[in-house]
Amino acid sequence: MGSPTHDKNTQVSFLKQRLNMFLDVLDAIDPEDTDLDDIDNLIKMIDELESKCKEFNHREAPESV
């Protein structure tokens, strides 16, 4: 992975990309064919997104000039 980002705009962009990826996966799932592994993967994606949000909230961003 890359180095940690402290820029709020970059963090928000990252989170938006991850959320859009989750929504794409969710849209692609056929409810009739969904199994427990699919649901587990969705939950894992949400957990990772939540973890990244918490990580960004706890980082101290340098002051903007």
PDB file of N, CA and C in Angstrom:
ATOM      1  N   MET A   1       0.829  -1.187   0.000  1.00  0.00           N
ATOM      2  CA  MET A   1       0.000   0.000   0.000  1.00  0.00           C
ATOM      3  C   MET A   1       0.866   1.240   0.000  1.00  0.00           C
ATOM      4  N   GLY A   2       0.236   2.383  -0.208  1.00  0.00           N
ATOM      5  CA  GLY A   2       0.955   3.648  -0.225  1.00  0.00           C
ATOM      6  C   GLY A   2       1.111   4.197   1.176  1.00  0.00           C
ATOM      7  N   SER A   3       1.698   5.375   1.221  1.00  0.00           N
ATOM      8  CA  SER A   3       1.882   6.026   2.513  1.00  0.00           C
ATOM      9  C   SER A   3       0.556   6.603   2.990  1.00  0.00           C
ATOM     10  N   PRO A   4       0.403   6.754   4.304  1.00  0.00           N
ATOM     11  CA  PRO A   4      -0.849   7.293   4.840  1.00  0.00           C
ATOM     12  C   PRO A   4      -1.085   8.712   4.340  1.00  0.00           C
ATOM     13  N   THR A   5      -2.344   9.003   4.058  1.00  0.00           N
ATOM     14  CA  THR A   5      -2.689  10.346   3.614  1.00  0.00           C
ATOM     15  C   THR A   5      -3.268  11.139   4.772  1.00  0.00           C
ATOM     16  N   HIS A   6      -2.845  12.383   4.866  1.00  0.00           N
ATOM     17  CA  HIS A   6      -3.348  13.255   5.928  1.00  0.00           C
ATOM     18  C   HIS A   6      -4.207  14.368   5.347  1.00  0.00           C
ATOM     19  N   ASP A   7      -4.295  14.430   4.034  1.00  0.00           N
ATOM     20  CA  ASP A   7      -5.085  15.458   3.370  1.00  0.00           C
ATOM     21  C   ASP A   7      -6.561  15.069   3.389  1.00  0.00           C
ATOM     22  N   LYS A   8      -7.383  15.935   3.954  1.00  0.00           N
ATOM     23  CA  LYS A   8      -8.807  15.627   4.094  1.00  0.00           C
ATOM     24  C   LYS A   8      -9.490  15.385   2.745  1.00  0.00           C
ATOM     25  N   ASN A   9      -9.134  16.170   1.723  1.00  0.00           N
ATOM     26  CA  ASN A   9      -9.751  15.985   0.410  1.00  0.00           C
ATOM     27  C   ASN A   9      -9.408  14.625  -0.177  1.00  0.00           C
ATOM     28  N   THR A  10      -8.173  14.198   0.001  1.00  0.00           N
ATOM     29  CA  THR A  10      -7.752  12.886  -0.487  1.00  0.00           C
ATOM     30  C   THR A  10      -8.463  11.783   0.290  1.00  0.00           C
ATOM     31  N   GLN A  11      -8.613  11.973   1.584  1.00  0.00           N
ATOM     32  CA  GLN A  11      -9.313  10.990   2.415  1.00  0.00           C
ATOM     33  C   GLN A  11     -10.775  10.853   1.978  1.00  0.00           C
ATOM     34  N   VAL A  12     -11.426  11.978   1.747  1.00  0.00           N
ATOM     35  CA  VAL A  12     -12.833  11.957   1.330  1.00  0.00           C
ATOM     36  C   VAL A  12     -12.958  11.291  -0.042  1.00  0.00           C
ATOM     37  N   SER A  13     -12.054  11.599  -0.947  1.00  0.00           N
ATOM     38  CA  SER A  13     -12.067  10.976  -2.278  1.00  0.00           C
ATOM     39  C   SER A  13     -11.902   9.465  -2.171  1.00  0.00           C
ATOM     40  N   PHE A  14     -10.981   9.041  -1.316  1.00  0.00           N
ATOM     41  CA  PHE A  14     -10.769   7.611  -1.107  1.00  0.00           C
ATOM     42  C   PHE A  14     -12.044   6.945  -0.592  1.00  0.00           C
ATOM     43  N   LEU A  15     -12.667   7.561   0.413  1.00  0.00           N
ATOM     44  CA  LEU A  15     -13.889   6.993   0.987  1.00  0.00           C
ATOM     45  C   LEU A  15     -15.020   6.950  -0.032  1.00  0.00           C
ATOM     46  N   LYS A  16     -15.138   7.974  -0.856  1.00  0.00           N
ATOM     47  CA  LYS A  16     -16.158   7.995  -1.899  1.00  0.00           C
ATOM     48  C   LYS A  16     -15.939   6.868  -2.901  1.00  0.00           C
ATOM     49  N   GLN A  17     -14.680   6.657  -3.280  1.00  0.00           N
ATOM     50  CA  GLN A  17     -14.369   5.572  -4.218  1.00  0.00           C
ATOM     51  C   GLN A  17     -14.734   4.220  -3.624  1.00  0.00           C
ATOM     52  N   ARG A  18     -14.385   4.028  -2.362  1.00  0.00           N
ATOM     53  CA  ARG A  18     -14.696   2.750  -1.712  1.00  0.00           C
ATOM     54  C   ARG A  18     -16.202   2.553  -1.570  1.00  0.00           C
ATOM     55  N   LEU A  19     -16.921   3.622  -1.236  1.00  0.00           N
ATOM     56  CA  LEU A  19     -18.370   3.521  -1.120  1.00  0.00           C
ATOM     57  C   LEU A  19     -18.997   3.222  -2.471  1.00  0.00           C
ATOM     58  N   ASN A  20     -18.522   3.873  -3.515  1.00  0.00           N
ATOM     59  CA  ASN A  20     -19.036   3.598  -4.860  1.00  0.00           C
ATOM     60  C   ASN A  20     -18.746   2.163  -5.282  1.00  0.00           C
ATOM     61  N   MET A  21     -17.579   1.643  -4.915  1.00  0.00           N
ATOM     62  CA  MET A  21     -17.247   0.263  -5.213  1.00  0.00           C
ATOM     63  C   MET A  21     -18.226  -0.676  -4.504  1.00  0.00           C
ATOM     64  N   PHE A  22     -18.516  -0.379  -3.245  1.00  0.00           N
ATOM     65  CA  PHE A  22     -19.477  -1.184  -2.488  1.00  0.00           C
ATOM     66  C   PHE A  22     -20.852  -1.142  -3.167  1.00  0.00           C
ATOM     67  N   LEU A  23     -21.287   0.052  -3.567  1.00  0.00           N
ATOM     68  CA  LEU A  23     -22.593   0.184  -4.208  1.00  0.00           C
ATOM     69  C   LEU A  23     -22.640  -0.566  -5.536  1.00  0.00           C
ATOM     70  N   ASP A  24     -21.540  -0.553  -6.290  1.00  0.00           N
ATOM     71  CA  ASP A  24     -21.476  -1.310  -7.538  1.00  0.00           C
ATOM     72  C   ASP A  24     -21.630  -2.804  -7.292  1.00  0.00           C
ATOM     73  N   VAL A  25     -20.946  -3.296  -6.268  1.00  0.00           N
ATOM     74  CA  VAL A  25     -21.050  -4.715  -5.922  1.00  0.00           C
ATOM     75  C   VAL A  25     -22.472  -5.032  -5.488  1.00  0.00           C
ATOM     76  N   LEU A  26     -23.058  -4.175  -4.684  1.00  0.00           N
ATOM     77  CA  LEU A  26     -24.422  -4.377  -4.202  1.00  0.00           C
ATOM     78  C   LEU A  26     -25.415  -4.403  -5.358  1.00  0.00           C
ATOM     79  N   ASP A  27     -25.255  -3.494  -6.306  1.00  0.00           N
ATOM     80  CA  ASP A  27     -26.135  -3.467  -7.476  1.00  0.00           C
ATOM     81  C   ASP A  27     -25.986  -4.711  -8.342  1.00  0.00           C
ATOM     82  N   ALA A  28     -24.791  -5.285  -8.378  1.00  0.00           N
ATOM     83  CA  ALA A  28     -24.528  -6.439  -9.244  1.00  0.00           C
ATOM     84  C   ALA A  28     -25.046  -7.755  -8.665  1.00  0.00           C
ATOM     85  N   ILE A  29     -25.357  -7.753  -7.396  1.00  0.00           N
ATOM     86  CA  ILE A  29     -25.795  -8.996  -6.750  1.00  0.00           C
ATOM     87  C   ILE A  29     -27.258  -9.278  -7.088  1.00  0.00           C
ATOM     88  N   ASP A  30     -27.485 -10.501  -7.513  1.00  0.00           N
ATOM     89  CA  ASP A  30     -28.857 -10.958  -7.773  1.00  0.00           C
ATOM     90  C   ASP A  30     -29.403 -11.557  -6.480  1.00  0.00           C
ATOM     91  N   PRO A  31     -30.458 -10.957  -5.914  1.00  0.00           N
ATOM     92  CA  PRO A  31     -30.993 -11.448  -4.636  1.00  0.00           C
ATOM     93  C   PRO A  31     -31.371 -12.932  -4.663  1.00  0.00           C
ATOM     94  N   GLU A  32     -31.778 -13.424  -5.820  1.00  0.00           N
ATOM     95  CA  GLU A  32     -32.173 -14.836  -5.932  1.00  0.00           C
ATOM     96  C   GLU A  32     -30.967 -15.777  -5.832  1.00  0.00           C
ATOM     97  N   ASP A  33     -29.790 -15.286  -6.212  1.00  0.00           N
ATOM     98  CA  ASP A  33     -28.600 -16.133  -6.242  1.00  0.00           C
ATOM     99  C   ASP A  33     -27.606 -15.820  -5.129  1.00  0.00           C
ATOM    100  N   THR A  34     -27.949 -14.917  -4.239  1.00  0.00           N
ATOM    101  CA  THR A  34     -27.034 -14.505  -3.174  1.00  0.00           C
ATOM    102  C   THR A  34     -26.938 -15.584  -2.107  1.00  0.00           C
ATOM    103  N   ASP A  35     -25.707 -15.892  -1.703  1.00  0.00           N
ATOM    104  CA  ASP A  35     -25.524 -16.867  -0.630  1.00  0.00           C
ATOM    105  C   ASP A  35     -24.829 -16.195   0.558  1.00  0.00           C
ATOM    106  N   LEU A  36     -24.574 -16.961   1.595  1.00  0.00           N
ATOM    107  CA  LEU A  36     -23.986 -16.408   2.808  1.00  0.00           C
ATOM    108  C   LEU A  36     -22.589 -15.831   2.568  1.00  0.00           C
ATOM    109  N   ASP A  37     -21.833 -16.428   1.668  1.00  0.00           N
ATOM    110  CA  ASP A  37     -20.504 -15.892   1.356  1.00  0.00           C
ATOM    111  C   ASP A  37     -20.609 -14.492   0.765  1.00  0.00           C
ATOM    112  N   ASP A  38     -21.607 -14.267  -0.088  1.00  0.00           N
ATOM    113  CA  ASP A  38     -21.809 -12.941  -0.666  1.00  0.00           C
ATOM    114  C   ASP A  38     -22.137 -11.921   0.425  1.00  0.00           C
ATOM    115  N   ILE A  39     -23.009 -12.298   1.329  1.00  0.00           N
ATOM    116  CA  ILE A  39     -23.385 -11.416   2.438  1.00  0.00           C
ATOM    117  C   ILE A  39     -22.180 -11.151   3.331  1.00  0.00           C
ATOM    118  N   ASP A  40     -21.399 -12.186   3.603  1.00  0.00           N
ATOM    119  CA  ASP A  40     -20.184 -12.015   4.421  1.00  0.00           C
ATOM    120  C   ASP A  40     -19.210 -11.045   3.756  1.00  0.00           C
ATOM    121  N   ASN A  41     -19.068 -11.136   2.443  1.00  0.00           N
ATOM    122  CA  ASN A  41     -18.172 -10.229   1.723  1.00  0.00           C
ATOM    123  C   ASN A  41     -18.675  -8.788   1.790  1.00  0.00           C
ATOM    124  N   LEU A  42     -19.980  -8.594   1.699  1.00  0.00           N
ATOM    125  CA  LEU A  42     -20.552  -7.247   1.825  1.00  0.00           C
ATOM    126  C   LEU A  42     -20.299  -6.678   3.218  1.00  0.00           C
ATOM    127  N   ILE A  43     -20.498  -7.501   4.221  1.00  0.00           N
ATOM    128  CA  ILE A  43     -20.259  -7.069   5.599  1.00  0.00           C
ATOM    129  C   ILE A  43     -18.783  -6.722   5.793  1.00  0.00           C
ATOM    130  N   LYS A  44     -17.895  -7.517   5.208  1.00  0.00           N
ATOM    131  CA  LYS A  44     -16.461  -7.243   5.297  1.00  0.00           C
ATOM    132  C   LYS A  44     -16.126  -5.904   4.651  1.00  0.00           C
ATOM    133  N   MET A  45     -16.731  -5.623   3.502  1.00  0.00           N
ATOM    134  CA  MET A  45     -16.495  -4.349   2.830  1.00  0.00           C
ATOM    135  C   MET A  45     -16.956  -3.180   3.700  1.00  0.00           C
ATOM    136  N   ILE A  46     -18.118  -3.326   4.331  1.00  0.00           N
ATOM    137  CA  ILE A  46     -18.634  -2.275   5.215  1.00  0.00           C
ATOM    138  C   ILE A  46     -17.716  -2.097   6.419  1.00  0.00           C
ATOM    139  N   ASP A  47     -17.265  -3.201   6.990  1.00  0.00           N
ATOM    140  CA  ASP A  47     -16.352  -3.126   8.135  1.00  0.00           C
ATOM    141  C   ASP A  47     -15.051  -2.422   7.771  1.00  0.00           C
ATOM    142  N   GLU A  48     -14.519  -2.724   6.582  1.00  0.00           N
ATOM    143  CA  GLU A  48     -13.285  -2.069   6.144  1.00  0.00           C
ATOM    144  C   GLU A  48     -13.504  -0.580   5.920  1.00  0.00           C
ATOM    145  N   LEU A  49     -14.649  -0.226   5.367  1.00  0.00           N
ATOM    146  CA  LEU A  49     -14.969   1.178   5.145  1.00  0.00           C
ATOM    147  C   LEU A  49     -15.110   1.909   6.479  1.00  0.00           C
ATOM    148  N   GLU A  50     -15.767   1.286   7.426  1.00  0.00           N
ATOM    149  CA  GLU A  50     -15.905   1.876   8.761  1.00  0.00           C
ATOM    150  C   GLU A  50     -14.543   2.042   9.435  1.00  0.00           C
ATOM    151  N   SER A  51     -13.706   1.040   9.306  1.00  0.00           N
ATOM    152  CA  SER A  51     -12.369   1.097   9.887  1.00  0.00           C
ATOM    153  C   SER A  51     -11.561   2.245   9.291  1.00  0.00           C
ATOM    154  N   LYS A  52     -11.654   2.432   7.980  1.00  0.00           N
ATOM    155  CA  LYS A  52     -10.921   3.515   7.319  1.00  0.00           C
ATOM    156  C   LYS A  52     -11.467   4.866   7.770  1.00  0.00           C
ATOM    157  N   CYS A  53     -12.779   4.988   7.942  1.00  0.00           N
ATOM    158  CA  CYS A  53     -13.362   6.239   8.441  1.00  0.00           C
ATOM    159  C   CYS A  53     -12.825   6.567   9.826  1.00  0.00           C
ATOM    160  N   LYS A  54     -12.775   5.571  10.687  1.00  0.00           N
ATOM    161  CA  LYS A  54     -12.253   5.785  12.038  1.00  0.00           C
ATOM    162  C   LYS A  54     -10.781   6.171  11.993  1.00  0.00           C
ATOM    163  N   GLU A  55     -10.032   5.506  11.127  1.00  0.00           N
ATOM    164  CA  GLU A  55      -8.607   5.807  10.997  1.00  0.00           C
ATOM    165  C   GLU A  55      -8.409   7.254  10.558  1.00  0.00           C
ATOM    166  N   PHE A  56      -9.180   7.699   9.579  1.00  0.00           N
ATOM    167  CA  PHE A  56      -9.067   9.069   9.104  1.00  0.00           C
ATOM    168  C   PHE A  56      -9.483  10.062  10.183  1.00  0.00           C
ATOM    169  N   ASN A  57     -10.505   9.729  10.952  1.00  0.00           N
ATOM    170  CA  ASN A  57     -10.955  10.625  12.020  1.00  0.00           C
ATOM    171  C   ASN A  57      -9.898  10.800  13.108  1.00  0.00           C
ATOM    172  N   HIS A  58      -9.099   9.778  13.329  1.00  0.00           N
ATOM    173  CA  HIS A  58      -8.110   9.835  14.409  1.00  0.00           C
ATOM    174  C   HIS A  58      -6.774  10.400  13.963  1.00  0.00           C
ATOM    175  N   ARG A  59      -6.574  10.523  12.682  1.00  0.00           N
ATOM    176  CA  ARG A  59      -5.325  11.133  12.192  1.00  0.00           C
ATOM    177  C   ARG A  59      -5.403  12.638  12.358  1.00  0.00           C
ATOM    178  N   GLU A  60      -4.294  13.194  12.696  1.00  0.00           N
ATOM    179  CA  GLU A  60      -4.226  14.661  12.770  1.00  0.00           C
ATOM    180  C   GLU A  60      -3.712  15.161  11.438  1.00  0.00           C
ATOM    181  N   ALA A  61      -4.531  15.929  10.770  1.00  0.00           N
ATOM    182  CA  ALA A  61      -4.130  16.512   9.495  1.00  0.00           C
ATOM    183  C   ALA A  61      -3.322  17.779   9.745  1.00  0.00           C
ATOM    184  N   PRO A  62      -2.271  18.001   8.959  1.00  0.00           N
ATOM    185  CA  PRO A  62      -1.517  19.252   9.112  1.00  0.00           C
ATOM    186  C   PRO A  62      -2.387  20.455   8.769  1.00  0.00           C
ATOM    187  N   GLU A  63      -2.091  21.559   9.370  1.00  0.00           N
ATOM    188  CA  GLU A  63      -2.842  22.793   9.129  1.00  0.00           C
ATOM    189  C   GLU A  63      -2.686  23.232   7.681  1.00  0.00           C
ATOM    190  N   SER A  64      -3.762  23.680   7.068  1.00  0.00           N
ATOM    191  CA  SER A  64      -3.716  24.226   5.718  1.00  0.00           C
ATOM    192  C   SER A  64      -3.243  25.671   5.760  1.00  0.00           C
ATOM    193  N   VAL A  65      -2.552  26.094   4.713  1.00  0.00           N
ATOM    194  CA  VAL A  65      -2.094  27.491   4.645  1.00  0.00           C
ATOM    195  C   VAL A  65      -2.897  28.250   3.630  1.00  0.00           C
TER     196      VAL A  65
END
